[in-house]
Protein backbone atom coordinates (compact mmCIF):
# COMPACT_ATOMS: atom_id res chain seq x y z
CA MET A 1 -0.34 -14.60 7.07
CA ARG A 2 0.56 -11.08 8.23
CA LEU A 3 0.45 -8.22 5.73
CA LEU A 4 2.00 -4.75 5.82
CA LEU A 5 0.50 -2.10 3.53
CA LEU A 6 2.52 0.99 2.59
CA ALA A 7 2.21 3.75 0.00
CA ASP A 8 3.54 7.19 -0.82
CA THR A 9 6.86 6.97 0.98
CA HIS A 10 8.42 9.65 -1.27
CA LEU A 11 11.98 8.89 -0.15
CA PRO A 12 14.23 10.84 0.08
CA LYS A 13 12.04 13.86 -0.79
CA ARG A 14 9.53 13.81 2.11
CA ALA A 15 11.72 11.99 4.64
CA LYS A 16 15.26 10.63 4.78
CA ALA A 17 14.19 7.11 5.79
CA LEU A 18 11.24 4.98 6.80
CA PRO A 19 10.45 5.20 10.52
CA GLU A 20 11.92 2.40 12.64
CA GLN A 21 8.40 1.31 13.64
CA VAL A 22 7.70 0.56 9.97
CA TRP A 23 10.97 -1.42 9.60
CA ARG A 24 9.93 -3.52 12.62
CA GLU A 25 6.64 -4.25 10.83
CA VAL A 26 8.56 -5.24 7.68
CA VAL A 27 10.40 -7.92 9.65
CA GLN A 28 7.15 -9.28 11.12
CA ALA A 29 5.23 -9.31 7.82
CA ASP A 30 4.90 -12.32 5.56
CA VAL A 31 4.02 -9.99 2.68
CA VAL A 32 4.74 -6.27 2.25
CA PHE A 33 2.63 -4.26 -0.22
CA HIS A 34 3.86 -0.88 -1.48
CA ALA A 35 1.32 1.05 -3.59
CA GLY A 36 3.74 3.39 -5.33
CA ASP A 37 5.40 6.78 -5.12
CA TRP A 38 8.69 5.38 -3.91
CA VAL A 39 10.45 8.28 -5.77
CA GLU A 40 13.97 6.72 -5.75
CA PRO A 41 15.02 3.05 -6.20
CA PRO A 42 17.07 2.57 -2.96
CA LEU A 43 13.92 1.97 -0.86
CA LEU A 44 12.78 -0.70 -3.34
CA ASP A 45 16.20 -2.35 -3.03
CA GLU A 46 16.10 -2.27 0.76
CA LEU A 47 12.52 -3.55 1.01
CA GLU A 48 13.36 -6.35 -1.42
CA SER A 49 16.29 -7.41 0.77
CA ARG A 50 14.49 -7.07 4.13
CA SER A 51 11.01 -8.38 3.24
CA ALA A 52 9.99 -12.02 3.23
CA ARG A 53 7.93 -11.12 0.13
CA LEU A 54 7.43 -7.73 -1.50
CA ILE A 55 4.68 -6.74 -3.91
CA GLY A 56 4.97 -3.25 -5.39
CA VAL A 57 3.68 -0.98 -8.12
CA TRP A 58 4.92 2.31 -9.50
CA GLY A 59 3.25 5.64 -8.85
CA ASN A 60 3.00 8.96 -10.65
CA ASN A 61 6.17 10.29 -8.94
CA ASP A 62 8.28 7.26 -9.87
CA GLY A 63 10.81 7.56 -12.66
CA GLU A 64 12.03 5.31 -15.43
CA GLU A 65 13.99 2.79 -13.33
CA LEU A 66 11.11 2.15 -10.91
CA ARG A 67 8.66 1.86 -13.81
CA ARG A 68 10.97 -0.66 -15.47
CA ARG A 69 11.20 -2.77 -12.32
CA LEU A 70 7.58 -2.56 -11.13
CA PRO A 71 4.19 -3.03 -12.79
CA GLU A 72 1.45 -0.42 -12.91
CA ILE A 73 -0.99 -3.01 -11.51
CA ALA A 74 -0.01 -6.01 -9.40
CA ARG A 75 -2.27 -9.01 -8.83
CA VAL A 76 -1.68 -11.84 -6.39
CA GLU A 77 -3.74 -14.47 -4.61
CA LEU A 78 -2.78 -15.08 -0.98
CA ASP A 79 -4.41 -17.97 0.87
CA GLY A 80 -7.53 -17.69 -1.28
CA VAL A 81 -7.86 -13.88 -1.19
CA ARG A 82 -7.48 -12.15 -4.57
CA PHE A 83 -5.53 -8.88 -4.26
CA ALA A 84 -4.87 -6.16 -6.80
CA MET A 85 -2.82 -3.03 -6.25
CA ILE A 86 -2.56 0.21 -8.22
CA HIS A 87 -1.25 3.61 -7.22
CA GLU A 88 -4.15 5.81 -8.24
CA THR A 89 -7.90 5.17 -8.41
CA GLY A 90 -9.07 8.72 -9.19
CA ALA A 91 -11.33 11.02 -7.21
CA ALA A 92 -12.95 9.79 -3.99
CA GLN A 93 -16.41 10.50 -5.43
CA GLY A 94 -17.41 7.50 -7.49
CA ARG A 95 -14.38 5.43 -6.41
CA GLU A 96 -16.41 2.40 -5.30
CA ARG A 97 -18.31 2.19 -8.61
CA ARG A 98 -15.14 2.66 -10.71
CA CYS A 99 -13.20 0.06 -8.75
CA ASP A 100 -16.05 -2.47 -9.00
CA GLU A 101 -15.95 -2.00 -12.78
CA ASP A 102 -12.15 -2.02 -13.12
CA PHE A 103 -11.39 -4.89 -10.69
CA PRO A 104 -14.30 -7.37 -11.00
CA ASP A 105 -12.28 -10.49 -10.08
CA THR A 106 -10.66 -8.98 -7.00
CA ASP A 107 -11.43 -9.27 -3.29
CA VAL A 108 -9.10 -6.51 -2.01
CA LEU A 109 -7.73 -3.48 -3.86
CA VAL A 110 -4.75 -1.69 -2.29
CA PHE A 111 -4.06 1.82 -3.56
CA GLY A 112 -2.29 5.05 -2.66
CA HIS A 113 -1.78 8.52 -4.16
CA SER A 114 -3.99 10.64 -1.89
CA HIS A 115 -2.04 10.04 1.37
CA ILE A 116 -5.51 9.69 2.92
CA PRO A 117 -6.20 6.40 4.75
CA TRP A 118 -9.19 4.57 3.28
CA ASP A 119 -11.06 1.41 4.22
CA THR A 120 -14.41 0.81 2.56
CA VAL A 121 -16.32 -2.00 0.88
CA THR A 122 -17.93 -1.44 -2.53
CA PRO A 123 -21.49 -2.51 -3.39
CA ASN A 124 -20.02 -5.63 -5.08
CA GLY A 125 -18.02 -6.53 -1.96
CA LEU A 126 -14.57 -5.29 -3.04
CA ARG A 127 -12.52 -4.10 -0.04
CA LEU A 128 -10.66 -0.85 -0.79
CA LEU A 129 -7.58 -0.10 1.34
CA ASN A 130 -5.29 2.91 1.24
CA PRO A 131 -2.67 2.92 4.03
CA GLY A 132 -1.97 6.65 3.78
CA SER A 133 1.71 7.57 4.01
CA PRO A 134 4.26 6.71 6.71
CA THR A 135 6.40 9.73 5.79
CA ASP A 136 4.18 12.52 4.40
CA ARG A 137 0.91 13.18 6.18
CA ARG A 138 -0.02 16.15 3.99
CA ARG A 139 -3.30 17.44 5.46
CA GLN A 140 -3.85 14.35 7.61
CA PRO A 141 -3.30 14.48 11.38
CA HIS A 142 -0.80 11.57 11.32
CA CYS A 143 1.53 9.61 9.08
CA THR A 144 0.05 6.12 8.73
CA TYR A 145 0.33 2.56 7.44
CA GLN A 146 -1.91 -0.52 7.65
CA THR A 147 -1.52 -4.12 8.73
CA ALA A 148 -3.88 -7.02 8.10
CA GLU A 149 -4.04 -10.79 8.22
CA VAL A 150 -5.15 -13.39 5.69
CA SER A 151 -6.32 -16.81 6.80
CA ASP A 152 -8.45 -19.45 5.09
CA GLY A 153 -9.60 -17.14 2.31
CA THR A 154 -10.52 -14.25 4.60
CA LEU A 155 -8.94 -10.84 5.21
CA THR A 156 -9.07 -9.99 8.92
CA ASN A 157 -7.62 -7.63 11.52
CA VAL A 158 -7.20 -4.67 9.17
CA GLU A 159 -5.64 -1.99 11.34
CA LEU A 160 -4.57 1.58 10.64
CA HIS A 161 -1.42 2.53 12.55
CA ARG A 162 -0.60 6.14 13.36
CA LEU A 163 3.03 7.13 13.62
CA PRO A 164 4.29 9.66 16.17
CA PRO A 165 5.40 13.03 14.79
CA ARG A 166 8.96 13.10 13.50
CA SER A 167 11.37 15.04 15.64
């Protein structure tokens, strides 16, 4: 099962549209995760129509309609791997300890907010993944997203993808 992980798209504030490379990944993915800060509902509508399966949460920049349509925390089990997703996990310092406490029955936590790619494992074995942002790199060298695979209860092939600069 192929996964696409997105966050912090901020459309149409930070970009007019998702890059075509990301839309190609949407088509190839069995499940698309979006960890919040959509900003406007049209991207949610388009991802719902173009994704085989979409799992999303709202972020701090998402208004009333997005908060009505999306949960703050999403939980799903995919082929034996227990996922949770939330937009914000707080400061980087102490993140692993906080996430172990807040998500004890989870194998993988997907999050966003910082626009900083993240891939660590907590002392309790929780995998923390932040795909960065495909549209707003902030202080990062590149806009990014992640892909991964799930098979027989195992998350594999987690890959951070860097997007070329927008012209």
